[in-house]
């Protein structure tokens, strides 16, 4: 998995939650993060769609529960790295 994508995803999550990037887990469920809730989940998905120029389906949004899952989706779609 592309480390650049992983770091960008972690940074977006950290920005959305207003926490340090080091506090964003790679494999643990994002629900374990402080301040994580359904609204921040959707805000994060929207920010990632904008950053990477991709679209998540409703089913994908429901399954995107970790940085690893998000990065896997973004790296597998030929995402644009800005």
Protein backbone atom coordinates (compact mmCIF):
# COMPACT_ATOMS: atom_id res chain seq x y z
CA UNK A 1 0.00 0.00 0.00
CA UNK A 2 1.25 3.45 -0.91
CA UNK A 3 2.67 5.29 2.14
CA UNK A 4 1.93 8.67 0.57
CA UNK A 5 -1.75 7.78 0.35
CA UNK A 6 -1.78 6.45 3.91
CA UNK A 7 -0.22 9.66 5.23
CA UNK A 8 -2.65 11.84 3.26
CA UNK A 9 -5.61 9.86 4.59
CA UNK A 10 -4.31 10.10 8.17
CA UNK A 11 -3.82 13.86 7.72
CA UNK A 12 -7.35 14.36 6.39
CA UNK A 13 -8.78 12.38 9.31
CA UNK A 14 -6.66 14.36 11.77
CA UNK A 15 -7.78 17.64 10.21
CA UNK A 16 -11.45 16.64 10.33
CA UNK A 17 -11.17 15.65 14.00
CA UNK A 18 -8.80 18.48 14.96
CA UNK A 19 -6.35 16.02 16.53
CA UNK A 20 -2.67 15.24 15.97
CA UNK A 21 -2.01 12.92 13.05
CA UNK A 22 -0.12 10.59 15.40
CA UNK A 23 -3.41 9.91 17.21
CA UNK A 24 -5.05 8.54 14.05
CA UNK A 25 -4.68 4.74 14.05
CA UNK A 26 -3.78 2.85 10.89
CA UNK A 27 -5.59 -0.44 11.45
CA UNK A 28 -7.83 0.12 14.44
CA UNK A 29 -11.40 1.18 13.76
CA UNK A 30 -11.73 4.93 13.40
CA UNK A 31 -14.61 4.66 15.84
CA UNK A 32 -11.89 4.26 18.49
CA UNK A 33 -10.62 7.78 17.73
CA UNK A 34 -11.59 10.59 20.02
CA UNK A 35 -14.25 12.82 18.47
CA UNK A 36 -15.21 10.17 15.87
CA UNK A 37 -18.92 10.04 15.16
CA UNK A 38 -21.19 9.57 12.16
CA UNK A 39 -21.02 13.23 11.17
CA UNK A 40 -17.22 13.26 11.20
CA UNK A 41 -17.27 10.01 9.25
CA UNK A 42 -19.25 11.69 6.46
CA UNK A 43 -17.17 14.87 6.62
CA UNK A 44 -14.01 12.77 6.26
CA UNK A 45 -15.41 10.84 3.30
CA UNK A 46 -16.36 14.09 1.56
CA UNK A 47 -12.91 15.56 2.21
CA UNK A 48 -11.22 12.43 0.84
CA UNK A 49 -13.45 12.44 -2.25
CA UNK A 50 -12.38 16.02 -2.91
CA UNK A 51 -8.68 15.43 -2.15
CA UNK A 52 -8.39 12.30 -4.30
CA UNK A 53 -11.03 13.06 -6.94
CA UNK A 54 -12.90 9.79 -6.30
CA UNK A 55 -16.42 8.82 -5.34
CA UNK A 56 -17.43 6.40 -2.60
CA UNK A 57 -20.69 4.48 -2.99
CA UNK A 58 -23.05 4.24 -0.02
CA UNK A 59 -21.92 0.65 0.53
CA UNK A 60 -18.26 1.70 0.49
CA UNK A 61 -18.88 4.54 2.92
CA UNK A 62 -20.38 2.09 5.37
CA UNK A 63 -17.36 -0.24 5.09
CA UNK A 64 -14.68 2.46 5.36
CA UNK A 65 -13.95 2.05 9.04
CA UNK A 66 -10.16 2.44 9.19
CA UNK A 67 -7.33 4.38 7.59
CA UNK A 68 -6.15 1.11 6.08
CA UNK A 69 -9.56 0.51 4.41
CA UNK A 70 -9.72 4.07 3.12
CA UNK A 71 -6.17 4.01 1.76
CA UNK A 72 -6.79 0.65 0.12
CA UNK A 73 -9.80 2.06 -1.76
CA UNK A 74 -7.97 5.23 -2.74
CA UNK A 75 -4.80 3.46 -3.86
CA UNK A 76 -6.71 0.87 -5.85
CA UNK A 77 -8.62 3.40 -7.91
CA UNK A 78 -5.68 5.17 -9.49
CA UNK A 79 -6.32 8.10 -7.22
CA UNK A 80 -4.86 11.45 -8.13
CA UNK A 81 -2.17 12.47 -5.69
CA UNK A 82 -2.13 16.20 -5.32
